[in-house]
Amino acid sequence: MTEAYVTQDEFKRLEARVSTVEHEVDGEKMLSRYILTQARQNGDDLAALKTRVDRVEAKVDRIETVVGSLRKEFSLMRMEFSTMKEALPSIVADAMREVLRESRGR
């Protein structure tokens, strides 16, 4: 059996290497914790944004419904206006004939 002795210098180099590895592991742990924290925060932010987007979509849907109703109502008013515009000359003519009849009858 051969005995191997470690010199003081070799021991210090080994100790330095072990210390470096420990710091790297601690650094990786800290980085992993930071990434996990950021992922959780981002998940919470995304959930909040999704909720807001859902609310905005619901409002837009209601606005679309109102705009659709207004379009129908406007179309009906346009048709009624066109009908009245076509009938206006005969209404005025009838009213004028009535006025003239009444004025002659006096």
Protein backbone atom coordinates (compact mmCIF):
# COMPACT_ATOMS: atom_id res chain seq x y z
CA MET A 1 0.00 0.00 0.00
CA THR A 2 1.42 3.38 -0.98
CA GLU A 3 0.80 6.34 1.13
CA ALA A 4 0.25 9.63 -0.61
CA TYR A 5 0.89 12.80 1.21
CA VAL A 6 -0.69 16.08 0.23
CA THR A 7 1.50 19.09 0.54
CA GLN A 8 0.34 22.32 2.10
CA ASP A 9 0.43 24.01 -1.32
CA GLU A 10 -1.65 21.26 -2.97
CA PHE A 11 -4.14 21.42 -0.11
CA LYS A 12 -4.54 25.20 -0.52
CA ARG A 13 -5.11 24.85 -4.27
CA LEU A 14 -7.70 22.13 -3.65
CA GLU A 15 -9.37 24.26 -0.98
CA ALA A 16 -9.53 27.20 -3.41
CA ARG A 17 -11.07 25.00 -6.11
CA VAL A 18 -13.68 23.60 -3.69
CA SER A 19 -14.48 27.13 -2.53
CA THR A 20 -14.95 28.23 -6.16
CA VAL A 21 -17.30 25.30 -6.84
CA GLU A 22 -19.30 26.11 -3.69
CA HIS A 23 -19.69 29.74 -4.78
CA GLU A 24 -20.78 28.64 -8.23
CA VAL A 25 -23.39 26.31 -6.75
CA ASP A 26 -24.63 29.07 -4.43
CA GLY A 27 -24.71 31.45 -7.39
CA GLU A 28 -26.73 28.96 -9.42
CA LYS A 29 -29.15 28.54 -6.52
CA MET A 30 -29.57 32.30 -6.27
CA LEU A 31 -30.06 32.58 -10.01
CA SER A 32 -32.58 29.73 -9.97
CA ARG A 33 -34.51 31.40 -7.14
CA TYR A 34 -34.47 34.72 -9.01
CA ILE A 35 -35.71 33.09 -12.21
CA LEU A 36 -38.45 31.27 -10.30
CA THR A 37 -39.54 34.52 -8.61
CA GLN A 38 -39.59 36.33 -11.95
CA ALA A 39 -41.58 33.52 -13.56
CA ARG A 40 -44.17 33.69 -10.77
CA GLN A 41 -44.43 37.47 -11.07
CA ASN A 42 -44.74 37.23 -14.84
CA GLY A 43 -47.43 34.59 -14.43
CA ASP A 44 -49.34 36.87 -12.07
CA ASP A 45 -48.93 39.81 -14.47
CA LEU A 46 -50.12 37.69 -17.39
CA ALA A 47 -53.16 36.54 -15.42
CA ALA A 48 -54.01 40.16 -14.57
CA LEU A 49 -53.60 41.18 -18.22
CA LYS A 50 -55.78 38.29 -19.35
CA THR A 51 -58.50 39.39 -16.95
CA ARG A 52 -58.32 42.94 -18.27
CA VAL A 53 -58.35 41.78 -21.90
CA ASP A 54 -61.41 39.62 -21.15
CA ARG A 55 -63.18 42.66 -19.69
CA VAL A 56 -62.24 44.79 -22.70
CA GLU A 57 -63.49 42.09 -25.07
CA ALA A 58 -66.81 41.95 -23.22
CA LYS A 59 -67.16 45.73 -23.47
CA VAL A 60 -66.31 45.66 -27.19
CA ASP A 61 -68.93 42.95 -27.71
CA ARG A 62 -71.56 45.14 -25.99
CA ILE A 63 -70.50 48.13 -28.10
CA GLU A 64 -70.78 46.04 -31.27
CA THR A 65 -74.31 45.08 -30.25
CA VAL A 66 -75.26 48.72 -29.66
CA VAL A 67 -73.68 49.82 -32.94
CA GLY A 68 -75.56 47.07 -34.78
CA SER A 69 -78.84 48.27 -33.25
CA LEU A 70 -78.03 51.87 -34.15
CA ARG A 71 -77.28 50.84 -37.73
CA LYS A 72 -80.64 49.13 -38.03
CA GLU A 73 -82.40 52.13 -36.51
CA PHE A 74 -80.54 54.53 -38.81
CA SER A 75 -81.46 52.42 -41.85
CA LEU A 76 -85.11 52.52 -40.83
CA MET A 77 -84.95 56.29 -40.34
CA ARG A 78 -83.28 56.68 -43.74
CA MET A 79 -86.07 54.68 -45.39
CA GLU A 80 -88.73 56.72 -43.58
CA PHE A 81 -87.01 59.95 -44.60
CA SER A 82 -86.84 58.80 -48.23
CA THR A 83 -90.52 57.91 -48.12
CA MET A 84 -91.41 61.28 -46.60
CA LYS A 85 -89.19 63.08 -49.15
CA GLU A 86 -91.06 61.40 -51.98
CA ALA A 87 -94.43 62.16 -50.40
CA LEU A 88 -93.62 65.78 -49.46
CA PRO A 89 -94.54 67.39 -52.84
CA SER A 90 -97.98 65.78 -52.82
CA ILE A 91 -98.51 66.68 -49.13
CA VAL A 92 -97.62 70.33 -49.86
CA ALA A 93 -99.80 70.31 -52.98
CA ASP A 94 -102.76 68.88 -51.03
CA ALA A 95 -102.26 71.46 -48.27
CA MET A 96 -102.09 74.30 -50.80
CA ARG A 97 -105.24 73.09 -52.56
CA GLU A 98 -107.00 72.97 -49.19
CA VAL A 99 -105.84 76.50 -48.33
CA LEU A 100 -106.93 77.80 -51.74
CA ARG A 101 -110.34 76.10 -51.42
CA GLU A 102 -110.82 77.63 -48.00
CA SER A 103 -109.75 81.08 -49.15
CA ARG A 104 -112.19 80.95 -52.13
CA GLY A 105 -114.97 79.77 -49.91
CA ARG A 106 -114.85 82.86 -47.70
